[in-house]
Amino acid sequence: MLDEGTTKNLRELVNGRLLQTIWPQIHPARPVRALWERMFPQLRATA
């Protein structure tokens, strides 16, 4: 989902608070992780 989901998918299906909580435990591909952490710096703080 984080890598291939459409903007609509992400808006409908991703819970930001939950994502922030589990971010340190999931392992997306490095480019995907970097992209998400650039867009949402609060994720970087939890890693």
N, C-alpha and C. Protein backbone atom coordinates (compact mmCIF):
# COMPACT_ATOMS: atom_id res chain seq x y z
N MET A 1 0.83 -1.18 0.00
CA MET A 1 0.00 0.00 0.00
C MET A 1 0.88 1.25 0.00
N LEU A 2 1.89 1.30 0.85
CA LEU A 2 2.71 2.50 0.93
C LEU A 2 3.50 2.74 -0.34
N ASP A 3 3.80 1.68 -1.05
CA ASP A 3 4.62 1.78 -2.25
C ASP A 3 3.78 1.97 -3.51
N GLU A 4 2.67 1.26 -3.62
CA GLU A 4 1.93 1.24 -4.88
C GLU A 4 0.50 1.76 -4.79
N GLY A 5 0.07 2.15 -3.61
CA GLY A 5 -1.30 2.64 -3.48
C GLY A 5 -1.50 3.98 -4.17
N THR A 6 -2.70 4.20 -4.66
CA THR A 6 -3.02 5.49 -5.27
C THR A 6 -3.28 6.50 -4.16
N THR A 7 -3.32 7.76 -4.52
CA THR A 7 -3.63 8.79 -3.54
C THR A 7 -4.97 8.51 -2.87
N LYS A 8 -5.94 8.07 -3.66
CA LYS A 8 -7.25 7.74 -3.12
C LYS A 8 -7.14 6.59 -2.12
N ASN A 9 -6.39 5.53 -2.47
CA ASN A 9 -6.20 4.41 -1.55
C ASN A 9 -5.60 4.90 -0.23
N LEU A 10 -4.57 5.71 -0.33
CA LEU A 10 -3.88 6.18 0.87
C LEU A 10 -4.81 7.00 1.76
N ARG A 11 -5.57 7.87 1.15
CA ARG A 11 -6.49 8.70 1.94
C ARG A 11 -7.56 7.86 2.63
N GLU A 12 -8.03 6.84 1.94
CA GLU A 12 -9.12 6.02 2.48
C GLU A 12 -8.64 4.95 3.45
N LEU A 13 -7.43 4.44 3.27
CA LEU A 13 -7.04 3.24 3.99
C LEU A 13 -5.91 3.39 5.00
N VAL A 14 -5.14 4.46 4.93
CA VAL A 14 -4.01 4.59 5.84
C VAL A 14 -4.42 5.46 7.03
N ASN A 15 -4.24 4.91 8.21
CA ASN A 15 -4.51 5.63 9.44
C ASN A 15 -3.18 6.24 9.90
N GLY A 16 -3.08 7.55 9.85
CA GLY A 16 -1.82 8.24 10.17
C GLY A 16 -1.31 7.96 11.56
N ARG A 17 -2.18 7.95 12.54
CA ARG A 17 -1.75 7.69 13.93
C ARG A 17 -1.22 6.27 14.08
N LEU A 18 -1.92 5.33 13.48
CA LEU A 18 -1.47 3.94 13.53
C LEU A 18 -0.14 3.78 12.79
N LEU A 19 -0.03 4.41 11.63
CA LEU A 19 1.21 4.32 10.87
C LEU A 19 2.38 4.86 11.69
N GLN A 20 2.18 5.97 12.37
CA GLN A 20 3.24 6.55 13.19
C GLN A 20 3.62 5.59 14.33
N THR A 21 2.65 4.91 14.88
CA THR A 21 2.92 3.97 15.96
C THR A 21 3.71 2.76 15.49
N ILE A 22 3.37 2.23 14.33
CA ILE A 22 4.02 1.00 13.86
C ILE A 22 5.22 1.24 12.94
N TRP A 23 5.48 2.49 12.58
CA TRP A 23 6.55 2.81 11.64
C TRP A 23 7.89 2.15 12.00
N PRO A 24 8.31 2.18 13.26
CA PRO A 24 9.60 1.56 13.58
C PRO A 24 9.61 0.04 13.36
N GLN A 25 8.45 -0.57 13.28
CA GLN A 25 8.36 -2.03 13.18
C GLN A 25 8.18 -2.53 11.75
N ILE A 26 7.83 -1.64 10.83
CA ILE A 26 7.65 -2.10 9.45
C ILE A 26 8.89 -1.75 8.65
N HIS A 27 9.10 -2.45 7.56
CA HIS A 27 10.33 -2.29 6.80
C HIS A 27 10.04 -2.13 5.31
N PRO A 28 9.50 -0.94 4.92
CA PRO A 28 9.31 -0.72 3.49
C PRO A 28 10.67 -0.57 2.82
N ALA A 29 10.70 -0.69 1.51
CA ALA A 29 11.94 -0.49 0.77
C ALA A 29 12.53 0.87 1.12
N ARG A 30 13.84 0.97 1.12
CA ARG A 30 14.50 2.22 1.53
C ARG A 30 13.99 3.46 0.78
N PRO A 31 13.81 3.40 -0.54
CA PRO A 31 13.29 4.59 -1.22
C PRO A 31 11.88 4.97 -0.75
N VAL A 32 11.07 3.96 -0.45
CA VAL A 32 9.70 4.22 0.04
C VAL A 32 9.77 4.84 1.43
N ARG A 33 10.60 4.28 2.29
CA ARG A 33 10.76 4.82 3.65
C ARG A 33 11.24 6.28 3.56
N ALA A 34 12.24 6.54 2.74
CA ALA A 34 12.78 7.90 2.61
C ALA A 34 11.71 8.87 2.11
N LEU A 35 10.93 8.45 1.13
CA LEU A 35 9.86 9.30 0.60
C LEU A 35 8.84 9.64 1.68
N TRP A 36 8.37 8.63 2.39
CA TRP A 36 7.38 8.86 3.44
C TRP A 36 7.94 9.73 4.56
N GLU A 37 9.20 9.52 4.92
CA GLU A 37 9.80 10.32 5.98
C GLU A 37 10.04 11.76 5.55
N ARG A 38 10.27 11.99 4.26
CA ARG A 38 10.37 13.37 3.75
C ARG A 38 9.01 14.05 3.79
N MET A 39 7.96 13.31 3.41
CA MET A 39 6.61 13.89 3.37
C MET A 39 6.04 14.07 4.78
N PHE A 40 6.42 13.16 5.70
CA PHE A 40 5.88 13.18 7.05
C PHE A 40 7.03 13.06 8.05
N PRO A 41 7.70 14.19 8.38
CA PRO A 41 8.87 14.16 9.25
C PRO A 41 8.60 13.52 10.62
N GLN A 42 7.34 13.53 11.06
CA GLN A 42 7.03 12.92 12.34
C GLN A 42 7.31 11.42 12.33
N LEU A 43 7.29 10.80 11.17
CA LEU A 43 7.64 9.38 11.08
C LEU A 43 9.12 9.17 11.38
N ARG A 44 9.95 10.07 10.88
CA ARG A 44 11.39 9.97 11.11
C ARG A 44 11.70 10.02 12.61
N ALA A 45 10.94 10.80 13.33
CA ALA A 45 11.16 10.95 14.77
C ALA A 45 10.85 9.66 15.52
N THR A 46 10.00 8.80 14.94
CA THR A 46 9.63 7.57 15.63
C THR A 46 10.53 6.41 15.26
N ALA A 47 11.31 6.55 14.20
CA ALA A 47 12.14 5.44 13.71
C ALA A 47 13.34 5.19 14.60
